[in-house]
Amino acid sequence: MPILATNNPDITSLKGIHLYHAGMSNCSMRVRLALEEKGLEWVSHEINLGQQENIQDWYLAINPKGLVPSIIHDGVPVTESDDILAYLEEKFPEPALVPTDQTLAAEANKWFDLAVSMHIKAIKTWVYSSTVGATKRRSDMAHYAEVQPDKELVTFHQKSLDGFSKEEVEAAREMIVDAFRKMESRLEDHKYLVGDAQSIADIAWLPQYVVLGTLGFDFAPYPAIIAWAKRQERRPAYKAAISNWMPKIPGWALRAGIKIMRTFRKWTTARPHTHPQN
């Protein structure tokens, strides 16, 4: 479990649960959902990814990969959403988000592991190639490559600048569709992904639905998933963990704004620089 050993007094002096997160980050949503489902109090530290706050020195001291989310619990930093959820389950076992039945627990973990394994290869690839575009500037990459120990992430962000191949985008789409088909089959006659209660399986996949749906993924072929998501939205945790952190504009307007920004970035990057004549 990525628990960082540190003597940094800015970290070790913190008491309670401090969450470092971003509003539209699906991994951040998972941890916020777990905290709210468990009824835990937490202090919010929202990280501005657009301003690259996540790769500033103060945050790299908490999470050397510069990823969100991270938590600090009584001076102990924990990173990676799957490990944070495991940590919270160990420290705060009630209410349980991992079923006590071993068979159901294995099934819930399988769903969660699938979401984690797809994060870069499918979800991020589809989001960045289809809607968002690059979030790093070419001028950022040398510094990012220097401070980022996970070279898979460096390669991903470089690809987001250079452009994903049609084959990579299609492979990402197929992985997403395959996962949602399996979800649809399960949810046609069940209220939850595993067993008869909320679990880490639901917590793993609800953020995928929210982020992809907001950015224009078509869920019309999956009516059981839509019905499940509606039930999830009625849970008390949903507002505090998701609704409160979403953009305050409709999804169509957000997508239009992203496209305009993406076009502007491409235009300014490609535009030749001229120098005034003396």
C-alpha atoms as a PDB file:
ATOM      1  CA  MET A   1       0.000   0.000   0.000  1.00  0.00           C
ATOM      2  CA  PRO A   2       1.522   3.384  -1.018  1.00  0.00           C
ATOM      3  CA  ILE A   3       1.938   4.897   2.425  1.00  0.00           C
ATOM      4  CA  LEU A   4       4.670   7.500   2.277  1.00  0.00           C
ATOM      5  CA  ALA A   5       7.220   7.593   5.081  1.00  0.00           C
ATOM      6  CA  THR A   6       7.894  11.251   5.754  1.00  0.00           C
ATOM      7  CA  ASN A   7       9.307  13.572   8.375  1.00  0.00           C
ATOM      8  CA  ASN A   8       7.862  16.655   6.682  1.00  0.00           C
ATOM      9  CA  PRO A   9       6.239  18.648   9.528  1.00  0.00           C
ATOM     10  CA  ASP A  10       3.706  20.194   7.135  1.00  0.00           C
ATOM     11  CA  ILE A  11       2.390  16.660   6.617  1.00  0.00           C
ATOM     12  CA  THR A  12       2.946  14.950   9.956  1.00  0.00           C
ATOM     13  CA  SER A  13       1.282  17.772  11.890  1.00  0.00           C
ATOM     14  CA  LEU A  14      -2.078  17.321  10.149  1.00  0.00           C
ATOM     15  CA  LYS A  15      -4.801  15.706  12.232  1.00  0.00           C
ATOM     16  CA  GLY A  16      -7.914  13.975  10.968  1.00  0.00           C
ATOM     17  CA  ILE A  17      -8.537  13.119   7.317  1.00  0.00           C
ATOM     18  CA  HIS A  18      -7.319  15.581   4.709  1.00  0.00           C
ATOM     19  CA  LEU A  19      -8.290  14.833   1.104  1.00  0.00           C
ATOM     20  CA  TYR A  20      -6.375  16.253  -1.854  1.00  0.00           C
ATOM     21  CA  HIS A  21      -8.643  15.891  -4.867  1.00  0.00           C
ATOM     22  CA  ALA A  22     -10.098  17.375  -8.048  1.00  0.00           C
ATOM     23  CA  GLY A  23     -13.772  17.808  -8.854  1.00  0.00           C
ATOM     24  CA  MET A  24     -14.053  15.912 -12.149  1.00  0.00           C
ATOM     25  CA  SER A  25     -11.408  13.305 -11.345  1.00  0.00           C
ATOM     26  CA  ASN A  26     -13.124   9.913 -11.307  1.00  0.00           C
ATOM     27  CA  CYS A  27     -10.514   8.571  -8.876  1.00  0.00           C
ATOM     28  CA  SER A  28     -11.236  11.512  -6.555  1.00  0.00           C
ATOM     29  CA  MET A  29     -14.952  10.755  -6.811  1.00  0.00           C
ATOM     30  CA  ARG A  30     -14.338   7.200  -5.579  1.00  0.00           C
ATOM     31  CA  VAL A  31     -12.603   8.355  -2.442  1.00  0.00           C
ATOM     32  CA  ARG A  32     -15.154  11.093  -1.748  1.00  0.00           C
ATOM     33  CA  LEU A  33     -17.930   8.501  -2.122  1.00  0.00           C
ATOM     34  CA  ALA A  34     -16.214   6.113   0.281  1.00  0.00           C
ATOM     35  CA  LEU A  35     -15.685   8.867   2.854  1.00  0.00           C
ATOM     36  CA  GLU A  36     -19.319   9.945   2.628  1.00  0.00           C
ATOM     37  CA  GLU A  37     -20.727   6.393   2.647  1.00  0.00           C
ATOM     38  CA  LYS A  38     -18.743   5.760   5.831  1.00  0.00           C
ATOM     39  CA  GLY A  39     -19.917   9.020   7.356  1.00  0.00           C
ATOM     40  CA  LEU A  40     -16.387  10.287   7.926  1.00  0.00           C
ATOM     41  CA  GLU A  41     -15.438  13.924   8.385  1.00  0.00           C
ATOM     42  CA  TRP A  42     -12.761  15.180   6.031  1.00  0.00           C
ATOM     43  CA  VAL A  43     -10.989  18.408   5.158  1.00  0.00           C
ATOM     44  CA  SER A  44     -11.026  19.342   1.480  1.00  0.00           C
ATOM     45  CA  HIS A  45      -7.927  20.490  -0.398  1.00  0.00           C
ATOM     46  CA  GLU A  46      -8.996  20.934  -4.015  1.00  0.00           C
ATOM     47  CA  ILE A  47      -6.106  20.681  -6.480  1.00  0.00           C
ATOM     48  CA  ASN A  48      -6.240  22.840  -9.606  1.00  0.00           C
ATOM     49  CA  LEU A  49      -5.012  20.455 -12.293  1.00  0.00           C
ATOM     50  CA  GLY A  50      -5.302  23.116 -14.992  1.00  0.00           C
ATOM     51  CA  GLN A  51      -2.774  25.224 -13.116  1.00  0.00           C
ATOM     52  CA  GLN A  52      -0.522  22.156 -12.658  1.00  0.00           C
ATOM     53  CA  GLU A  53      -0.735  22.399  -8.870  1.00  0.00           C
ATOM     54  CA  ASN A  54      -0.347  18.633  -8.755  1.00  0.00           C
ATOM     55  CA  ILE A  55       3.288  18.805  -9.867  1.00  0.00           C
ATOM     56  CA  GLN A  56       4.337  21.599  -7.551  1.00  0.00           C
ATOM     57  CA  ASP A  57       6.915  20.695  -4.927  1.00  0.00           C
ATOM     58  CA  TRP A  58       4.549  20.943  -1.967  1.00  0.00           C
ATOM     59  CA  TYR A  59       2.149  18.405  -3.480  1.00  0.00           C
ATOM     60  CA  LEU A  60       4.888  16.076  -4.737  1.00  0.00           C
ATOM     61  CA  ALA A  61       5.959  15.822  -1.090  1.00  0.00           C
ATOM     62  CA  ILE A  62       2.536  14.245  -0.425  1.00  0.00           C
ATOM     63  CA  ASN A  63       2.245  12.224  -3.630  1.00  0.00           C
ATOM     64  CA  PRO A  64       5.504  11.807  -5.588  1.00  0.00           C
ATOM     65  CA  LYS A  65       3.536  10.873  -8.729  1.00  0.00           C
ATOM     66  CA  GLY A  66       1.563  14.114  -8.583  1.00  0.00           C
ATOM     67  CA  LEU A  67      -1.753  12.274  -8.927  1.00  0.00           C
ATOM     68  CA  VAL A  68      -5.080  12.930  -7.268  1.00  0.00           C
ATOM     69  CA  PRO A  69      -6.476  11.845  -4.950  1.00  0.00           C
ATOM     70  CA  SER A  70      -4.266  11.523  -1.903  1.00  0.00           C
ATOM     71  CA  ILE A  71      -5.208  11.557   1.738  1.00  0.00           C
ATOM     72  CA  ILE A  72      -3.318  12.444   4.871  1.00  0.00           C
ATOM     73  CA  HIS A  73      -4.739  10.711   7.924  1.00  0.00           C
ATOM     74  CA  ASP A  74      -3.272  11.854  11.217  1.00  0.00           C
ATOM     75  CA  GLY A  75      -0.026  12.801   9.503  1.00  0.00           C
ATOM     76  CA  VAL A  76       0.197   9.675   7.310  1.00  0.00           C
ATOM     77  CA  PRO A  77      -0.045  10.180   3.512  1.00  0.00           C
ATOM     78  CA  VAL A  78      -1.780   7.468   1.449  1.00  0.00           C
ATOM     79  CA  THR A  79      -1.953   7.579  -2.364  1.00  0.00           C
ATOM     80  CA  GLU A  80      -3.769   5.726  -5.199  1.00  0.00           C
ATOM     81  CA  SER A  81      -7.564   5.502  -4.971  1.00  0.00           C
ATOM     82  CA  ASP A  82      -7.660   1.706  -4.635  1.00  0.00           C
ATOM     83  CA  ASP A  83      -5.135   1.764  -1.800  1.00  0.00           C
ATOM     84  CA  ILE A  84      -6.889   4.674  -0.122  1.00  0.00           C
ATOM     85  CA  LEU A  85     -10.157   2.728  -0.121  1.00  0.00           C
ATOM     86  CA  ALA A  86      -8.388  -0.329   1.300  1.00  0.00           C
ATOM     87  CA  TYR A  87      -6.825   1.880   3.982  1.00  0.00           C
ATOM     88  CA  LEU A  88     -10.179   3.428   4.907  1.00  0.00           C
ATOM     89  CA  GLU A  89     -11.789  -0.003   5.078  1.00  0.00           C
ATOM     90  CA  GLU A  90      -9.063  -1.170   7.456  1.00  0.00           C
ATOM     91  CA  LYS A  91      -9.135   1.917   9.683  1.00  0.00           C
ATOM     92  CA  PHE A  92     -12.906   2.489   9.569  1.00  0.00           C
ATOM     93  CA  PRO A  93     -14.505  -0.935   8.974  1.00  0.00           C
ATOM     94  CA  GLU A  94     -18.088   0.171   9.660  1.00  0.00           C
ATOM     95  CA  PRO A  95     -20.143   0.475   7.590  1.00  0.00           C
ATOM     96  CA  ALA A  96     -18.344  -2.080   5.451  1.00  0.00           C
ATOM     97  CA  LEU A  97     -17.905  -1.413   1.749  1.00  0.00           C
ATOM     98  CA  VAL A  98     -16.285  -4.801   1.138  1.00  0.00           C
ATOM     99  CA  PRO A  99     -18.790  -7.654   1.636  1.00  0.00           C
ATOM    100  CA  THR A 100     -18.072  -9.951   4.565  1.00  0.00           C
ATOM    101  CA  ASP A 101     -18.900 -12.999   2.445  1.00  0.00           C
ATOM    102  CA  GLN A 102     -15.631 -14.084   0.822  1.00  0.00           C
ATOM    103  CA  THR A 103     -17.217 -14.949  -2.524  1.00  0.00           C
ATOM    104  CA  LEU A 104     -18.947 -11.579  -2.741  1.00  0.00           C
ATOM    105  CA  ALA A 105     -15.789  -9.817  -1.560  1.00  0.00           C
ATOM    106  CA  ALA A 106     -13.811 -11.432  -4.367  1.00  0.00           C
ATOM    107  CA  GLU A 107     -16.471 -10.393  -6.867  1.00  0.00           C
ATOM    108  CA  ALA A 108     -16.486  -6.802  -5.593  1.00  0.00           C
ATOM    109  CA  ASN A 109     -12.698  -6.629  -5.778  1.00  0.00           C
ATOM    110  CA  LYS A 110     -12.811  -8.014  -9.317  1.00  0.00           C
ATOM    111  CA  TRP A 111     -15.098  -5.166 -10.410  1.00  0.00           C
ATOM    112  CA  PHE A 112     -12.888  -2.627  -8.657  1.00  0.00           C
ATOM    113  CA  ASP A 113      -9.703  -4.058 -10.170  1.00  0.00           C
ATOM    114  CA  LEU A 114     -11.284  -3.915 -13.630  1.00  0.00           C
ATOM    115  CA  ALA A 115     -11.983  -0.196 -13.202  1.00  0.00           C
ATOM    116  CA  VAL A 116      -8.418   0.430 -12.041  1.00  0.00           C
ATOM    117  CA  SER A 117      -6.865  -1.602 -14.862  1.00  0.00           C
ATOM    118  CA  MET A 118      -8.857   0.327 -17.475  1.00  0.00           C
ATOM    119  CA  HIS A 119      -8.041   3.771 -16.132  1.00  0.00           C
ATOM    120  CA  ILE A 120      -5.245   4.734 -18.532  1.00  0.00           C
ATOM    121  CA  LYS A 121      -5.703   2.243 -21.368  1.00  0.00           C
ATOM    122  CA  ALA A 122      -9.434   2.878 -21.807  1.00  0.00           C
ATOM    123  CA  ILE A 123     -11.031   5.669 -19.770  1.00  0.00           C
ATOM    124  CA  LYS A 124      -8.294   8.307 -19.987  1.00  0.00           C
ATOM    125  CA  THR A 125      -7.479   7.403 -23.589  1.00  0.00           C
ATOM    126  CA  TRP A 126     -11.113   7.808 -24.666  1.00  0.00           C
ATOM    127  CA  VAL A 127     -11.600  11.010 -22.661  1.00  0.00           C
ATOM    128  CA  TYR A 128      -8.402  12.684 -23.852  1.00  0.00           C
ATOM    129  CA  SER A 129      -8.703  11.577 -27.478  1.00  0.00           C
ATOM    130  CA  SER A 130     -12.429  12.140 -27.931  1.00  0.00           C
ATOM    131  CA  THR A 131     -13.178  15.194 -25.837  1.00  0.00           C
ATOM    132  CA  VAL A 132     -10.606  16.811 -23.619  1.00  0.00           C
ATOM    133  CA  GLY A 133      -7.399  16.701 -25.617  1.00  0.00           C
ATOM    134  CA  ALA A 134      -4.038  17.250 -23.966  1.00  0.00           C
ATOM    135  CA  THR A 135      -3.943  18.745 -20.479  1.00  0.00           C
ATOM    136  CA  LYS A 136      -0.195  19.299 -20.587  1.00  0.00           C
ATOM    137  CA  ARG A 137       1.562  21.859 -22.766  1.00  0.00           C
ATOM    138  CA  ARG A 138       4.625  20.828 -24.731  1.00  0.00           C
ATOM    139  CA  SER A 139       6.557  23.309 -22.636  1.00  0.00           C
ATOM    140  CA  ASP A 140       5.456  21.371 -19.514  1.00  0.00           C
ATOM    141  CA  MET A 141       6.714  18.001 -20.647  1.00  0.00           C
ATOM    142  CA  ALA A 142      10.415  18.283 -19.841  1.00  0.00           C
ATOM    143  CA  HIS A 143       9.633  19.264 -16.240  1.00  0.00           C
ATOM    144  CA  TYR A 144       6.851  16.668 -16.011  1.00  0.00           C
ATOM    145  CA  ALA A 145       9.144  13.888 -17.270  1.00  0.00           C
ATOM    146  CA  GLU A 146      11.728  14.966 -14.693  1.00  0.00           C
ATOM    147  CA  VAL A 147       9.400  14.904 -11.676  1.00  0.00           C
ATOM    148  CA  GLN A 148       7.122  12.011 -12.710  1.00  0.00           C
ATOM    149  CA  PRO A 149       8.541   8.614 -11.677  1.00  0.00           C
ATOM    150  CA  ASP A 150       5.745   6.711 -13.480  1.00  0.00           C
ATOM    151  CA  LYS A 151       6.938   6.672 -17.080  1.00  0.00           C
ATOM    152  CA  GLU A 152       3.630   5.195 -18.285  1.00  0.00           C
ATOM    153  CA  LEU A 153       2.030   8.506 -17.354  1.00  0.00           C
ATOM    154  CA  VAL A 154       4.754  10.468 -19.145  1.00  0.00           C
ATOM    155  CA  THR A 155       4.165   8.377 -22.279  1.00  0.00           C
ATOM    156  CA  PHE A 156       0.402   8.874 -21.993  1.00  0.00           C
ATOM    157  CA  HIS A 157       0.614  12.656 -21.760  1.00  0.00           C
ATOM    158  CA  GLN A 158       3.106  12.817 -24.610  1.00  0.00           C
ATOM    159  CA  LYS A 159       0.685  10.762 -26.721  1.00  0.00           C
ATOM    160  CA  SER A 160      -2.158  13.086 -25.782  1.00  0.00           C
ATOM    161  CA  LEU A 161      -0.097  15.909 -27.283  1.00  0.00           C
ATOM    162  CA  ASP A 162       1.008  14.000 -30.379  1.00  0.00           C
ATOM    163  CA  GLY A 163      -2.371  12.338 -30.954  1.00  0.00           C
ATOM    164  CA  PHE A 164      -3.609   8.817 -30.287  1.00  0.00           C
ATOM    165  CA  SER A 165      -3.841   6.442 -33.225  1.00  0.00           C
ATOM    166  CA  LYS A 166      -7.250   5.322 -34.490  1.00  0.00           C
ATOM    167  CA  GLU A 167      -6.371   1.814 -33.325  1.00  0.00           C
ATOM    168  CA  GLU A 168      -5.650   3.012 -29.772  1.00  0.00           C
ATOM    169  CA  VAL A 169      -8.893   4.980 -29.587  1.00  0.00           C
ATOM    170  CA  GLU A 170     -10.923   2.072 -30.948  1.00  0.00           C
ATOM    171  CA  ALA A 171      -9.276  -0.360 -28.522  1.00  0.00           C
ATOM    172  CA  ALA A 172     -10.172   2.002 -25.656  1.00  0.00           C
ATOM    173  CA  ARG A 173     -13.781   2.260 -26.857  1.00  0.00           C
ATOM    174  CA  GLU A 174     -14.096  -1.514 -27.148  1.00  0.00           C
ATOM    175  CA  MET A 175     -12.794  -2.025 -23.605  1.00  0.00           C
ATOM    176  CA  ILE A 176     -15.328   0.471 -22.263  1.00  0.00           C
ATOM    177  CA  VAL A 177     -18.208  -1.055 -24.222  1.00  0.00           C
ATOM    178  CA  ASP A 178     -17.277  -4.564 -23.097  1.00  0.00           C
ATOM    179  CA  ALA A 179     -17.250  -3.481 -19.441  1.00  0.00           C
ATOM    180  CA  PHE A 180     -20.602  -1.703 -19.723  1.00  0.00           C
ATOM    181  CA  ARG A 181     -22.174  -4.714 -21.435  1.00  0.00           C
ATOM    182  CA  LYS A 182     -21.152  -6.845 -18.461  1.00  0.00           C
ATOM    183  CA  MET A 183     -22.553  -4.222 -16.083  1.00  0.00           C
ATOM    184  CA  GLU A 184     -25.793  -4.041 -18.037  1.00  0.00           C
ATOM    185  CA  SER A 185     -26.217  -7.813 -17.855  1.00  0.00           C
ATOM    186  CA  ARG A 186     -25.682  -7.816 -14.095  1.00  0.00           C
ATOM    187  CA  LEU A 187     -27.912  -4.814 -13.379  1.00  0.00           C
ATOM    188  CA  GLU A 188     -30.868  -5.986 -15.471  1.00  0.00           C
ATOM    189  CA  ASP A 189     -32.115  -7.920 -12.418  1.00  0.00           C
ATOM    190  CA  HIS A 190     -30.001  -6.563  -9.545  1.00  0.00           C
ATOM    191  CA  LYS A 191     -29.933  -3.240  -7.712  1.00  0.00           C
ATOM    192  CA  TYR A 192     -26.198  -3.364  -7.011  1.00  0.00           C
ATOM    193  CA  LEU A 193     -23.185  -4.662  -8.894  1.00  0.00           C
ATOM    194  CA  VAL A 194     -22.431  -7.164  -6.131  1.00  0.00           C
ATOM    195  CA  GLY A 195     -24.767  -8.652  -3.539  1.00  0.00           C
ATOM    196  CA  ASP A 196     -27.662  -6.693  -2.096  1.00  0.00           C
ATOM    197  CA  ALA A 197     -25.887  -3.614  -0.749  1.00  0.00           C
ATOM    198  CA  GLN A 198     -23.605  -0.769  -1.778  1.00  0.00           C
ATOM    199  CA  SER A 199     -19.990  -1.895  -2.165  1.00  0.00           C
ATOM    200  CA  ILE A 200     -16.660  -0.820  -3.583  1.00  0.00           C
ATOM    201  CA  ALA A 201     -17.876  -2.228  -6.916  1.00  0.00           C
ATOM    202  CA  ASP A 202     -20.553   0.478  -7.185  1.00  0.00           C
ATOM    203  CA  ILE A 203     -18.125   3.088  -5.876  1.00  0.00           C
ATOM    204  CA  ALA A 204     -15.583   2.099  -8.540  1.00  0.00           C
ATOM    205  CA  TRP A 205     -17.984   2.368 -11.478  1.00  0.00           C
ATOM    206  CA  LEU A 206     -20.324   5.243 -10.628  1.00  0.00           C
ATOM    207  CA  PRO A 207     -17.577   7.847 -11.298  1.00  0.00           C
ATOM    208  CA  GLN A 208     -16.899   6.230 -14.691  1.00  0.00           C
ATOM    209  CA  TYR A 209     -20.558   6.695 -15.562  1.00  0.00           C
ATOM    210  CA  VAL A 210     -20.597  10.294 -14.336  1.00  0.00           C
ATOM    211  CA  VAL A 211     -17.422  11.412 -16.119  1.00  0.00           C
ATOM    212  CA  LEU A 212     -18.091   9.597 -19.395  1.00  0.00           C
ATOM    213  CA  GLY A 213     -21.735  10.665 -19.446  1.00  0.00           C
ATOM    214  CA  THR A 214     -20.843  14.301 -18.786  1.00  0.00           C
ATOM    215  CA  LEU A 215     -18.358  14.200 -21.671  1.00  0.00           C
ATOM    216  CA  GLY A 216     -20.841  12.738 -24.131  1.00  0.00           C
ATOM    217  CA  PHE A 217     -20.542   8.951 -23.978  1.00  0.00           C
ATOM    218  CA  ASP A 218     -23.826   7.409 -25.185  1.00  0.00           C
ATOM    219  CA  PHE A 219     -25.465   5.334 -22.453  1.00  0.00           C
ATOM    220  CA  ALA A 220     -28.753   4.867 -24.338  1.00  0.00           C
ATOM    221  CA  PRO A 221     -27.922   1.193 -25.075  1.00  0.00           C
ATOM    222  CA  TYR A 222     -27.616   0.545 -21.316  1.00  0.00           C
ATOM    223  CA  PRO A 223     -30.990   1.255 -19.658  1.00  0.00           C
ATOM    224  CA  ALA A 224     -30.213  -0.895 -16.604  1.00  0.00           C
ATOM    225  CA  ILE A 225     -27.020   1.099 -15.978  1.00  0.00           C
ATOM    226  CA  ILE A 226     -28.976   4.352 -16.279  1.00  0.00           C
ATOM    227  CA  ALA A 227     -31.555   3.072 -13.759  1.00  0.00           C
ATOM    228  CA  TRP A 228     -28.749   1.990 -11.391  1.00  0.00           C
ATOM    229  CA  ALA A 229     -27.123   5.424 -11.689  1.00  0.00           C
ATOM    230  CA  LYS A 230     -30.444   7.115 -10.878  1.00  0.00           C
ATOM    231  CA  ARG A 231     -30.692   5.000  -7.722  1.00  0.00           C
ATOM    232  CA  GLN A 232     -27.133   5.933  -6.842  1.00  0.00           C
ATOM    233  CA  GLU A 233     -27.951   9.620  -7.269  1.00  0.00           C
ATOM    234  CA  ARG A 234     -30.621   9.303  -4.579  1.00  0.00           C
ATOM    235  CA  ARG A 235     -28.123   8.076  -1.988  1.00  0.00           C
ATOM    236  CA  PRO A 236     -27.208  10.764   0.591  1.00  0.00           C
ATOM    237  CA  ALA A 237     -23.503  10.402  -0.250  1.00  0.00           C
ATOM    238  CA  TYR A 238     -23.991  11.375  -3.889  1.00  0.00           C
ATOM    239  CA  LYS A 239     -24.535  15.106  -3.411  1.00  0.00           C
ATOM    240  CA  ALA A 240     -21.602  15.610  -1.055  1.00  0.00           C
ATOM    241  CA  ALA A 241     -19.253  13.375  -3.043  1.00  0.00           C
ATOM    242  CA  ILE A 242     -20.190  14.162  -6.646  1.00  0.00           C
ATOM    243  CA  SER A 243     -22.864  16.805  -7.276  1.00  0.00           C
ATOM    244  CA  ASN A 244     -21.158  19.460  -5.166  1.00  0.00           C
ATOM    245  CA  TRP A 245     -17.934  19.096  -7.170  1.00  0.00           C
ATOM    246  CA  MET A 246     -19.312  18.989 -10.706  1.00  0.00           C
ATOM    247  CA  PRO A 247     -19.114  21.969 -13.108  1.00  0.00           C
ATOM    248  CA  LYS A 248     -22.055  24.318 -12.612  1.00  0.00           C
ATOM    249  CA  ILE A 249     -22.948  24.279 -16.306  1.00  0.00           C
ATOM    250  CA  PRO A 250     -24.864  21.702 -18.394  1.00  0.00           C
ATOM    251  CA  GLY A 251     -22.887  18.874 -19.932  1.00  0.00           C
ATOM    252  CA  TRP A 252     -23.484  20.106 -23.494  1.00  0.00           C
ATOM    253  CA  ALA A 253     -22.108  23.540 -22.605  1.00  0.00           C
ATOM    254  CA  LEU A 254     -19.077  21.986 -20.899  1.00  0.00           C
ATOM    255  CA  ARG A 255     -18.353  19.851 -23.965  1.00  0.00           C
ATOM    256  CA  ALA A 256     -18.719  22.865 -26.262  1.00  0.00           C
ATOM    257  CA  GLY A 257     -16.349  24.893 -24.082  1.00  0.00           C
ATOM    258  CA  ILE A 258     -13.791  22.092 -24.072  1.00  0.00           C
ATOM    259  CA  LYS A 259     -13.922  21.861 -27.869  1.00  0.00           C
ATOM    260  CA  ILE A 260     -13.405  25.619 -28.222  1.00  0.00           C
ATOM    261  CA  MET A 261     -10.442  25.545 -25.828  1.00  0.00           C
ATOM    262  CA  ARG A 262      -8.999  22.519 -27.620  1.00  0.00           C
ATOM    263  CA  THR A 263      -9.266  24.250 -31.008  1.00  0.00           C
ATOM    264  CA  PHE A 264      -7.739  27.445 -29.633  1.00  0.00           C
ATOM    265  CA  ARG A 265      -4.831  25.531 -28.109  1.00  0.00           C
ATOM    266  CA  LYS A 266      -4.133  23.778 -31.426  1.00  0.00           C
ATOM    267  CA  TRP A 267      -4.344  27.088 -33.323  1.00  0.00           C
ATOM    268  CA  THR A 268      -2.012  28.944 -30.976  1.00  0.00           C
ATOM    269  CA  THR A 269       0.444  26.025 -30.944  1.00  0.00           C
ATOM    270  CA  ALA A 270       0.519  25.798 -34.750  1.00  0.00           C
ATOM    271  CA  ARG A 271       0.562  29.551 -35.389  1.00  0.00           C
ATOM    272  CA  PRO A 272       3.985  30.732 -36.621  1.00  0.00           C
ATOM    273  CA  HIS A 273       5.728  33.317 -34.491  1.00  0.00           C
ATOM    274  CA  THR A 274       6.685  36.537 -36.259  1.00  0.00           C
ATOM    275  CA  HIS A 275       8.917  39.326 -35.143  1.00  0.00           C
ATOM    276  CA  PRO A 276       8.160  42.988 -35.817  1.00  0.00           C
ATOM    277  CA  GLN A 277      10.403  44.707 -38.346  1.00  0.00           C
ATOM    278  CA  ASN A 278      12.723  47.389 -36.981  1.00  0.00           C
END
